[in-house]
Amino acid sequence: MKTLEATIVSDCGRYKVEIERRSGGSLQVTAYRWTEEVVAGYGKVAEFWEPVPQSVTITDTLNRAKQLACEKLKLFARPDETPDQPATES
């Protein structure tokens, strides 16, 4: 069972990172992107936090987990991103 230790939201509000304590004591850091599904003729049919692929990291201290969370948010929530594609490092 996991316990939520912290949630950090990006300035734009479209990304968040959750830090969860796993049953063995390690911490799992996972990034999520706010997703809205719109169907032509119907409008918005769903909205939810979707995990960002390849974004799960495991670490052993809460301080390091928060550092990793901030790094993830900097990577995903940059101004040159598009809704479907996070910004890439240049």
PDB file of N, CA and C in Angstrom:
ATOM      1  N   MET A   1       0.838  -1.175   0.000  1.00  0.00           N
ATOM      2  CA  MET A   1       0.000   0.000   0.000  1.00  0.00           C
ATOM      3  C   MET A   1       0.889   1.246   0.000  1.00  0.00           C
ATOM      4  N   LYS A   2       0.451   2.269  -0.724  1.00  0.00           N
ATOM      5  CA  LYS A   2       1.209   3.511  -0.813  1.00  0.00           C
ATOM      6  C   LYS A   2       0.510   4.601  -0.010  1.00  0.00           C
ATOM      7  N   THR A   3       1.323   5.513   0.538  1.00  0.00           N
ATOM      8  CA  THR A   3       0.814   6.656   1.286  1.00  0.00           C
ATOM      9  C   THR A   3       1.293   7.927   0.605  1.00  0.00           C
ATOM     10  N   LEU A   4       0.390   8.835   0.308  1.00  0.00           N
ATOM     11  CA  LEU A   4       0.755  10.089  -0.338  1.00  0.00           C
ATOM     12  C   LEU A   4       1.503  10.973   0.656  1.00  0.00           C
ATOM     13  N   GLU A   5       2.741  11.330   0.312  1.00  0.00           N
ATOM     14  CA  GLU A   5       3.576  12.174   1.166  1.00  0.00           C
ATOM     15  C   GLU A   5       3.497  13.644   0.764  1.00  0.00           C
ATOM     16  N   ALA A   6       3.425  13.920  -0.561  1.00  0.00           N
ATOM     17  CA  ALA A   6       3.393  15.306  -1.036  1.00  0.00           C
ATOM     18  C   ALA A   6       2.892  15.352  -2.470  1.00  0.00           C
ATOM     19  N   THR A   7       2.308  16.496  -2.829  1.00  0.00           N
ATOM     20  CA  THR A   7       1.910  16.781  -4.198  1.00  0.00           C
ATOM     21  C   THR A   7       2.442  18.162  -4.539  1.00  0.00           C
ATOM     22  N   ILE A   8       3.115  18.273  -5.675  1.00  0.00           N
ATOM     23  CA  ILE A   8       3.643  19.557  -6.131  1.00  0.00           C
ATOM     24  C   ILE A   8       3.048  19.810  -7.514  1.00  0.00           C
ATOM     25  N   VAL A   9       2.424  20.991  -7.692  1.00  0.00           N
ATOM     26  CA  VAL A   9       1.763  21.343  -8.949  1.00  0.00           C
ATOM     27  C   VAL A   9       2.593  22.395  -9.673  1.00  0.00           C
ATOM     28  N   SER A  10       2.667  22.279 -10.999  1.00  0.00           N
ATOM     29  CA  SER A  10       3.411  23.248 -11.806  1.00  0.00           C
ATOM     30  C   SER A  10       2.718  24.609 -11.755  1.00  0.00           C
ATOM     31  N   ASP A  11       3.468  25.653 -12.090  1.00  0.00           N
ATOM     32  CA  ASP A  11       2.912  27.010 -12.098  1.00  0.00           C
ATOM     33  C   ASP A  11       1.730  27.127 -13.050  1.00  0.00           C
ATOM     34  N   CYS A  12       1.798  26.425 -14.190  1.00  0.00           N
ATOM     35  CA  CYS A  12       0.716  26.508 -15.169  1.00  0.00           C
ATOM     36  C   CYS A  12      -0.501  25.675 -14.752  1.00  0.00           C
ATOM     37  N   GLY A  13      -0.342  24.781 -13.783  1.00  0.00           N
ATOM     38  CA  GLY A  13      -1.447  23.968 -13.297  1.00  0.00           C
ATOM     39  C   GLY A  13      -1.762  22.754 -14.155  1.00  0.00           C
ATOM     40  N   ARG A  14      -1.007  22.530 -15.220  1.00  0.00           N
ATOM     41  CA  ARG A  14      -1.285  21.410 -16.117  1.00  0.00           C
ATOM     42  C   ARG A  14      -0.487  20.161 -15.781  1.00  0.00           C
ATOM     43  N   TYR A  15       0.472  20.280 -14.881  1.00  0.00           N
ATOM     44  CA  TYR A  15       1.291  19.142 -14.474  1.00  0.00           C
ATOM     45  C   TYR A  15       1.360  19.095 -12.955  1.00  0.00           C
ATOM     46  N   LYS A  16       1.493  17.887 -12.433  1.00  0.00           N
ATOM     47  CA  LYS A  16       1.723  17.731 -10.995  1.00  0.00           C
ATOM     48  C   LYS A  16       2.618  16.521 -10.800  1.00  0.00           C
ATOM     49  N   VAL A  17       3.249  16.487  -9.646  1.00  0.00           N
ATOM     50  CA  VAL A  17       4.065  15.340  -9.268  1.00  0.00           C
ATOM     51  C   VAL A  17       3.586  14.881  -7.897  1.00  0.00           C
ATOM     52  N   GLU A  18       3.350  13.596  -7.777  1.00  0.00           N
ATOM     53  CA  GLU A  18       2.979  13.015  -6.483  1.00  0.00           C
ATOM     54  C   GLU A  18       4.150  12.215  -5.942  1.00  0.00           C
ATOM     55  N   ILE A  19       4.388  12.366  -4.655  1.00  0.00           N
ATOM     56  CA  ILE A  19       5.416  11.595  -3.958  1.00  0.00           C
ATOM     57  C   ILE A  19       4.677  10.657  -3.006  1.00  0.00           C
ATOM     58  N   GLU A  20       4.854   9.366  -3.226  1.00  0.00           N
ATOM     59  CA  GLU A  20       4.172   8.364  -2.409  1.00  0.00           C
ATOM     60  C   GLU A  20       5.193   7.468  -1.720  1.00  0.00           C
ATOM     61  N   ARG A  21       4.917   7.145  -0.452  1.00  0.00           N
ATOM     62  CA  ARG A  21       5.767   6.196   0.277  1.00  0.00           C
ATOM     63  C   ARG A  21       5.242   4.791   0.004  1.00  0.00           C
ATOM     64  N   ARG A  22       6.135   3.940  -0.472  1.00  0.00           N
ATOM     65  CA  ARG A  22       5.786   2.548  -0.769  1.00  0.00           C
ATOM     66  C   ARG A  22       5.867   1.713   0.501  1.00  0.00           C
ATOM     67  N   SER A  23       5.301   0.533   0.465  1.00  0.00           N
ATOM     68  CA  SER A  23       5.254  -0.324   1.656  1.00  0.00           C
ATOM     69  C   SER A  23       6.637  -0.668   2.201  1.00  0.00           C
ATOM     70  N   GLY A  24       7.642  -0.719   1.357  1.00  0.00           N
ATOM     71  CA  GLY A  24       8.997  -1.029   1.803  1.00  0.00           C
ATOM     72  C   GLY A  24       9.753   0.167   2.362  1.00  0.00           C
ATOM     73  N   GLY A  25       9.135   1.357   2.317  1.00  0.00           N
ATOM     74  CA  GLY A  25       9.763   2.553   2.868  1.00  0.00           C
ATOM     75  C   GLY A  25      10.350   3.490   1.820  1.00  0.00           C
ATOM     76  N   SER A  26      10.583   3.002   0.606  1.00  0.00           N
ATOM     77  CA  SER A  26      11.117   3.883  -0.442  1.00  0.00           C
ATOM     78  C   SER A  26      10.021   4.833  -0.929  1.00  0.00           C
ATOM     79  N   LEU A  27      10.438   5.856  -1.651  1.00  0.00           N
ATOM     80  CA  LEU A  27       9.501   6.865  -2.145  1.00  0.00           C
ATOM     81  C   LEU A  27       9.393   6.784  -3.661  1.00  0.00           C
ATOM     82  N   GLN A  28       8.180   6.872  -4.147  1.00  0.00           N
ATOM     83  CA  GLN A  28       7.917   6.839  -5.588  1.00  0.00           C
ATOM     84  C   GLN A  28       7.492   8.230  -6.026  1.00  0.00           C
ATOM     85  N   VAL A  29       8.156   8.759  -7.057  1.00  0.00           N
ATOM     86  CA  VAL A  29       7.872  10.091  -7.589  1.00  0.00           C
ATOM     87  C   VAL A  29       7.272   9.891  -8.977  1.00  0.00           C
ATOM     88  N   THR A  30       6.024  10.341  -9.180  1.00  0.00           N
ATOM     89  CA  THR A  30       5.328  10.144 -10.449  1.00  0.00           C
ATOM     90  C   THR A  30       4.768  11.465 -10.952  1.00  0.00           C
ATOM     91  N   ALA A  31       5.018  11.767 -12.232  1.00  0.00           N
ATOM     92  CA  ALA A  31       4.498  12.988 -12.849  1.00  0.00           C
ATOM     93  C   ALA A  31       3.184  12.685 -13.568  1.00  0.00           C
ATOM     94  N   TYR A  32       2.274  13.665 -13.533  1.00  0.00           N
ATOM     95  CA  TYR A  32       0.975  13.554 -14.190  1.00  0.00           C
ATOM     96  C   TYR A  32       0.713  14.804 -15.021  1.00  0.00           C
ATOM     97  N   ARG A  33      -0.043  14.639 -16.108  1.00  0.00           N
ATOM     98  CA  ARG A  33      -0.443  15.753 -16.958  1.00  0.00           C
ATOM     99  C   ARG A  33      -1.969  15.837 -16.948  1.00  0.00           C
ATOM    100  N   TRP A  34      -2.522  17.054 -16.808  1.00  0.00           N
ATOM    101  CA  TRP A  34      -3.963  17.258 -16.857  1.00  0.00           C
ATOM    102  C   TRP A  34      -4.409  17.059 -18.299  1.00  0.00           C
ATOM    103  N   THR A  35      -5.357  16.177 -18.519  1.00  0.00           N
ATOM    104  CA  THR A  35      -5.813  15.821 -19.848  1.00  0.00           C
ATOM    105  C   THR A  35      -7.303  16.098 -19.975  1.00  0.00           C
ATOM    106  N   GLU A  36      -7.667  16.718 -21.079  1.00  0.00           N
ATOM    107  CA  GLU A  36      -9.079  16.949 -21.385  1.00  0.00           C
ATOM    108  C   GLU A  36      -9.364  16.306 -22.730  1.00  0.00           C
ATOM    109  N   GLU A  37     -10.380  15.460 -22.777  1.00  0.00           N
ATOM    110  CA  GLU A  37     -10.764  14.816 -24.030  1.00  0.00           C
ATOM    111  C   GLU A  37     -11.994  15.518 -24.579  1.00  0.00           C
ATOM    112  N   VAL A  38     -11.872  15.990 -25.825  1.00  0.00           N
ATOM    113  CA  VAL A  38     -12.957  16.709 -26.478  1.00  0.00           C
ATOM    114  C   VAL A  38     -13.349  15.933 -27.729  1.00  0.00           C
ATOM    115  N   VAL A  39     -14.643  15.701 -27.882  1.00  0.00           N
ATOM    116  CA  VAL A  39     -15.170  14.999 -29.046  1.00  0.00           C
ATOM    117  C   VAL A  39     -15.973  15.991 -29.865  1.00  0.00           C
ATOM    118  N   ALA A  40     -15.659  16.072 -31.166  1.00  0.00           N
ATOM    119  CA  ALA A  40     -16.379  16.982 -32.046  1.00  0.00           C
ATOM    120  C   ALA A  40     -17.882  16.704 -31.985  1.00  0.00           C
ATOM    121  N   GLY A  41     -18.650  17.744 -31.825  1.00  0.00           N
ATOM    122  CA  GLY A  41     -20.103  17.597 -31.761  1.00  0.00           C
ATOM    123  C   GLY A  41     -20.639  17.349 -30.358  1.00  0.00           C
ATOM    124  N   TYR A  42     -19.759  16.975 -29.414  1.00  0.00           N
ATOM    125  CA  TYR A  42     -20.183  16.698 -28.043  1.00  0.00           C
ATOM    126  C   TYR A  42     -19.521  17.616 -27.025  1.00  0.00           C
ATOM    127  N   GLY A  43     -18.326  18.077 -27.356  1.00  0.00           N
ATOM    128  CA  GLY A  43     -17.580  18.902 -26.406  1.00  0.00           C
ATOM    129  C   GLY A  43     -16.698  18.054 -25.519  1.00  0.00           C
ATOM    130  N   LYS A  44     -16.401  18.592 -24.356  1.00  0.00           N
ATOM    131  CA  LYS A  44     -15.517  17.886 -23.414  1.00  0.00           C
ATOM    132  C   LYS A  44     -16.259  16.696 -22.812  1.00  0.00           C
ATOM    133  N   VAL A  45     -15.661  15.518 -22.961  1.00  0.00           N
ATOM    134  CA  VAL A  45     -16.300  14.306 -22.445  1.00  0.00           C
ATOM    135  C   VAL A  45     -15.585  13.729 -21.235  1.00  0.00           C
ATOM    136  N   ALA A  46     -14.323  14.160 -21.023  1.00  0.00           N
ATOM    137  CA  ALA A  46     -13.582  13.645 -19.870  1.00  0.00           C
ATOM    138  C   ALA A  46     -12.435  14.589 -19.543  1.00  0.00           C
ATOM    139  N   GLU A  47     -12.068  14.627 -18.274  1.00  0.00           N
ATOM    140  CA  GLU A  47     -10.876  15.340 -17.826  1.00  0.00           C
ATOM    141  C   GLU A  47     -10.318  14.589 -16.631  1.00  0.00           C
ATOM    142  N   PHE A  48      -8.981  14.427 -16.627  1.00  0.00           N
ATOM    143  CA  PHE A  48      -8.367  13.609 -15.581  1.00  0.00           C
ATOM    144  C   PHE A  48      -6.858  13.831 -15.564  1.00  0.00           C
ATOM    145  N   TRP A  49      -6.222  13.404 -14.475  1.00  0.00           N
ATOM    146  CA  TRP A  49      -4.756  13.419 -14.370  1.00  0.00           C
ATOM    147  C   TRP A  49      -4.243  12.129 -14.974  1.00  0.00           C
ATOM    148  N   GLU A  50      -3.429  12.246 -16.021  1.00  0.00           N
ATOM    149  CA  GLU A  50      -2.875  11.095 -16.721  1.00  0.00           C
ATOM    150  C   GLU A  50      -1.381  10.973 -16.393  1.00  0.00           C
ATOM    151  N   PRO A  51      -0.916   9.789 -15.997  1.00  0.00           N
ATOM    152  CA  PRO A  51       0.517   9.638 -15.730  1.00  0.00           C
ATOM    153  C   PRO A  51       1.333   9.924 -16.993  1.00  0.00           C
ATOM    154  N   VAL A  52       2.431  10.635 -16.842  1.00  0.00           N
ATOM    155  CA  VAL A  52       3.337  10.897 -17.956  1.00  0.00           C
ATOM    156  C   VAL A  52       4.166   9.621 -18.151  1.00  0.00           C
ATOM    157  N   PRO A  53       4.187   9.065 -19.371  1.00  0.00           N
ATOM    158  CA  PRO A  53       4.952   7.829 -19.603  1.00  0.00           C
ATOM    159  C   PRO A  53       6.426   7.999 -19.208  1.00  0.00           C
ATOM    160  N   GLN A  54       6.997   6.948 -18.667  1.00  0.00           N
ATOM    161  CA  GLN A  54       8.408   6.921 -18.291  1.00  0.00           C
ATOM    162  C   GLN A  54       8.760   7.932 -17.205  1.00  0.00           C
ATOM    163  N   SER A  55       7.807   8.308 -16.357  1.00  0.00           N
ATOM    164  CA  SER A  55       8.078   9.366 -15.384  1.00  0.00           C
ATOM    165  C   SER A  55       8.233   8.885 -13.946  1.00  0.00           C
ATOM    166  N   VAL A  56       8.164   7.602 -13.688  1.00  0.00           N
ATOM    167  CA  VAL A  56       8.241   7.099 -12.316  1.00  0.00           C
ATOM    168  C   VAL A  56       9.707   6.975 -11.884  1.00  0.00           C
ATOM    169  N   THR A  57      10.004   7.513 -10.707  1.00  0.00           N
ATOM    170  CA  THR A  57      11.343   7.437 -10.131  1.00  0.00           C
ATOM    171  C   THR A  57      11.223   6.948  -8.690  1.00  0.00           C
ATOM    172  N   ILE A  58      12.152   6.140  -8.249  1.00  0.00           N
ATOM    173  CA  ILE A  58      12.183   5.636  -6.878  1.00  0.00           C
ATOM    174  C   ILE A  58      13.412   6.218  -6.183  1.00  0.00           C
ATOM    175  N   THR A  59      13.239   6.679  -4.943  1.00  0.00           N
ATOM    176  CA  THR A  59      14.359   7.211  -4.165  1.00  0.00           C
ATOM    177  C   THR A  59      14.135   6.875  -2.696  1.00  0.00           C
ATOM    178  N   ASP A  60      15.095   7.273  -1.843  1.00  0.00           N
ATOM    179  CA  ASP A  60      15.015   6.846  -0.445  1.00  0.00           C
ATOM    180  C   ASP A  60      14.730   7.961   0.558  1.00  0.00           C
ATOM    181  N   THR A  61      14.848   9.241   0.176  1.00  0.00           N
ATOM    182  CA  THR A  61      14.572  10.309   1.137  1.00  0.00           C
ATOM    183  C   THR A  61      13.555  11.282   0.577  1.00  0.00           C
ATOM    184  N   LEU A  62      12.771  11.885   1.461  1.00  0.00           N
ATOM    185  CA  LEU A  62      11.755  12.842   1.040  1.00  0.00           C
ATOM    186  C   LEU A  62      12.390  14.074   0.419  1.00  0.00           C
ATOM    187  N   ASN A  63      13.523  14.513   0.955  1.00  0.00           N
ATOM    188  CA  ASN A  63      14.206  15.673   0.395  1.00  0.00           C
ATOM    189  C   ASN A  63      14.611  15.418  -1.056  1.00  0.00           C
ATOM    190  N   ARG A  64      15.205  14.259  -1.322  1.00  0.00           N
ATOM    191  CA  ARG A  64      15.603  13.928  -2.695  1.00  0.00           C
ATOM    192  C   ARG A  64      14.374  13.763  -3.587  1.00  0.00           C
ATOM    193  N   ALA A  65      13.300  13.193  -3.058  1.00  0.00           N
ATOM    194  CA  ALA A  65      12.071  13.029  -3.832  1.00  0.00           C
ATOM    195  C   ALA A  65      11.526  14.394  -4.263  1.00  0.00           C
ATOM    196  N   LYS A  66      11.574  15.380  -3.364  1.00  0.00           N
ATOM    197  CA  LYS A  66      11.105  16.726  -3.707  1.00  0.00           C
ATOM    198  C   LYS A  66      12.001  17.370  -4.763  1.00  0.00           C
ATOM    199  N   GLN A  67      13.304  17.134  -4.682  1.00  0.00           N
ATOM    200  CA  GLN A  67      14.225  17.646  -5.708  1.00  0.00           C
ATOM    201  C   GLN A  67      13.900  17.038  -7.073  1.00  0.00           C
ATOM    202  N   LEU A  68      13.682  15.731  -7.096  1.00  0.00           N
ATOM    203  CA  LEU A  68      13.336  15.054  -8.344  1.00  0.00           C
ATOM    204  C   LEU A  68      12.004  15.551  -8.891  1.00  0.00           C
ATOM    205  N   ALA A  69      11.053  15.794  -7.998  1.00  0.00           N
ATOM    206  CA  ALA A  69       9.743  16.312  -8.419  1.00  0.00           C
ATOM    207  C   ALA A  69       9.904  17.662  -9.103  1.00  0.00           C
ATOM    208  N   CYS A  70      10.688  18.535  -8.533  1.00  0.00           N
ATOM    209  CA  CYS A  70      10.914  19.863  -9.128  1.00  0.00           C
ATOM    210  C   CYS A  70      11.608  19.743 -10.476  1.00  0.00           C
ATOM    211  N   GLU A  71      12.557  18.821 -10.598  1.00  0.00           N
ATOM    212  CA  GLU A  71      13.235  18.595 -11.879  1.00  0.00           C
ATOM    213  C   GLU A  71      12.240  18.125 -12.936  1.00  0.00           C
ATOM    214  N   LYS A  72      11.344  17.218 -12.551  1.00  0.00           N
ATOM    215  CA  LYS A  72      10.338  16.722 -13.493  1.00  0.00           C
ATOM    216  C   LYS A  72       9.425  17.863 -13.954  1.00  0.00           C
ATOM    217  N   LEU A  73       8.994  18.701 -13.031  1.00  0.00           N
ATOM    218  CA  LEU A  73       8.111  19.802 -13.403  1.00  0.00           C
ATOM    219  C   LEU A  73       8.812  20.786 -14.332  1.00  0.00           C
ATOM    220  N   LYS A  74      10.089  21.046 -14.095  1.00  0.00           N
ATOM    221  CA  LYS A  74      10.837  21.932 -14.993  1.00  0.00           C
ATOM    222  C   LYS A  74      10.908  21.343 -16.394  1.00  0.00           C
ATOM    223  N   LEU A  75      11.083  20.046 -16.486  1.00  0.00           N
ATOM    224  CA  LEU A  75      11.185  19.388 -17.778  1.00  0.00           C
ATOM    225  C   LEU A  75       9.844  19.400 -18.517  1.00  0.00           C
ATOM    226  N   PHE A  76       8.764  19.072 -17.829  1.00  0.00           N
ATOM    227  CA  PHE A  76       7.467  18.921 -18.487  1.00  0.00           C
ATOM    228  C   PHE A  76       6.703  20.223 -18.674  1.00  0.00           C
ATOM    229  N   ALA A  77       6.872  21.191 -17.807  1.00  0.00           N
ATOM    230  CA  ALA A  77       6.019  22.380 -17.819  1.00  0.00           C
ATOM    231  C   ALA A  77       6.746  23.623 -18.306  1.00  0.00           C
ATOM    232  N   ARG A  78       7.476  23.489 -19.392  1.00  0.00           N
ATOM    233  CA  ARG A  78       8.189  24.640 -19.943  1.00  0.00           C
ATOM    234  C   ARG A  78       7.296  25.399 -20.914  1.00  0.00           C
ATOM    235  N   PRO A  79       7.571  26.700 -21.132  1.00  0.00           N
ATOM    236  CA  PRO A  79       6.715  27.529 -21.982  1.00  0.00           C
ATOM    237  C   PRO A  79       6.655  27.089 -23.443  1.00  0.00           C
ATOM    238  N   ASP A  80       7.667  26.368 -23.946  1.00  0.00           N
ATOM    239  CA  ASP A  80       7.668  25.983 -25.358  1.00  0.00           C
ATOM    240  C   ASP A  80       6.997  24.637 -25.619  1.00  0.00           C
ATOM    241  N   GLU A  81       6.240  24.133 -24.652  1.00  0.00           N
ATOM    242  CA  GLU A  81       5.551  22.872 -24.832  1.00  0.00           C
ATOM    243  C   GLU A  81       4.251  23.051 -25.609  1.00  0.00           C
ATOM    244  N   THR A  82       3.735  21.952 -26.114  1.00  0.00           N
ATOM    245  CA  THR A  82       2.406  21.914 -26.689  1.00  0.00           C
ATOM    246  C   THR A  82       1.578  20.985 -25.810  1.00  0.00           C
ATOM    247  N   PRO A  83       0.252  21.010 -25.925  1.00  0.00           N
ATOM    248  CA  PRO A  83      -0.550  20.149 -25.043  1.00  0.00           C
ATOM    249  C   PRO A  83      -0.244  18.659 -25.177  1.00  0.00           C
ATOM    250  N   ASP A  84       0.163  18.210 -26.361  1.00  0.00           N
ATOM    251  CA  ASP A  84       0.406  16.791 -26.564  1.00  0.00           C
ATOM    252  C   ASP A  84       1.862  16.374 -26.431  1.00  0.00           C
ATOM    253  N   GLN A  85       2.773  17.339 -26.420  1.00  0.00           N
ATOM    254  CA  GLN A  85       4.184  17.007 -26.409  1.00  0.00           C
ATOM    255  C   GLN A  85       4.939  17.901 -25.428  1.00  0.00           C
ATOM    256  N   PRO A  86       5.457  17.349 -24.328  1.00  0.00           N
ATOM    257  CA  PRO A  86       6.252  18.165 -23.416  1.00  0.00           C
ATOM    258  C   PRO A  86       7.487  18.714 -24.127  1.00  0.00           C
ATOM    259  N   ALA A  87       8.000  19.790 -23.617  1.00  0.00           N
ATOM    260  CA  ALA A  87       9.196  20.391 -24.187  1.00  0.00           C
ATOM    261  C   ALA A  87      10.359  19.411 -24.078  1.00  0.00           C
ATOM    262  N   THR A  88      11.276  19.465 -25.009  1.00  0.00           N
ATOM    263  CA  THR A  88      12.455  18.610 -24.969  1.00  0.00           C
ATOM    264  C   THR A  88      13.677  19.463 -24.671  1.00  0.00           C
ATOM    265  N   GLU A  89      14.672  18.830 -24.107  1.00  0.00           N
ATOM    266  CA  GLU A  89      15.914  19.539 -23.804  1.00  0.00           C
ATOM    267  C   GLU A  89      16.624  19.890 -25.101  1.00  0.00           C
ATOM    268  N   SER A  90      17.205  21.108 -25.178  1.00  0.00           N
ATOM    269  CA  SER A  90      17.943  21.475 -26.388  1.00  0.00           C
ATOM    270  C   SER A  90      19.430  21.345 -26.172  1.00  0.00           C
TER     271      SER A  90
END
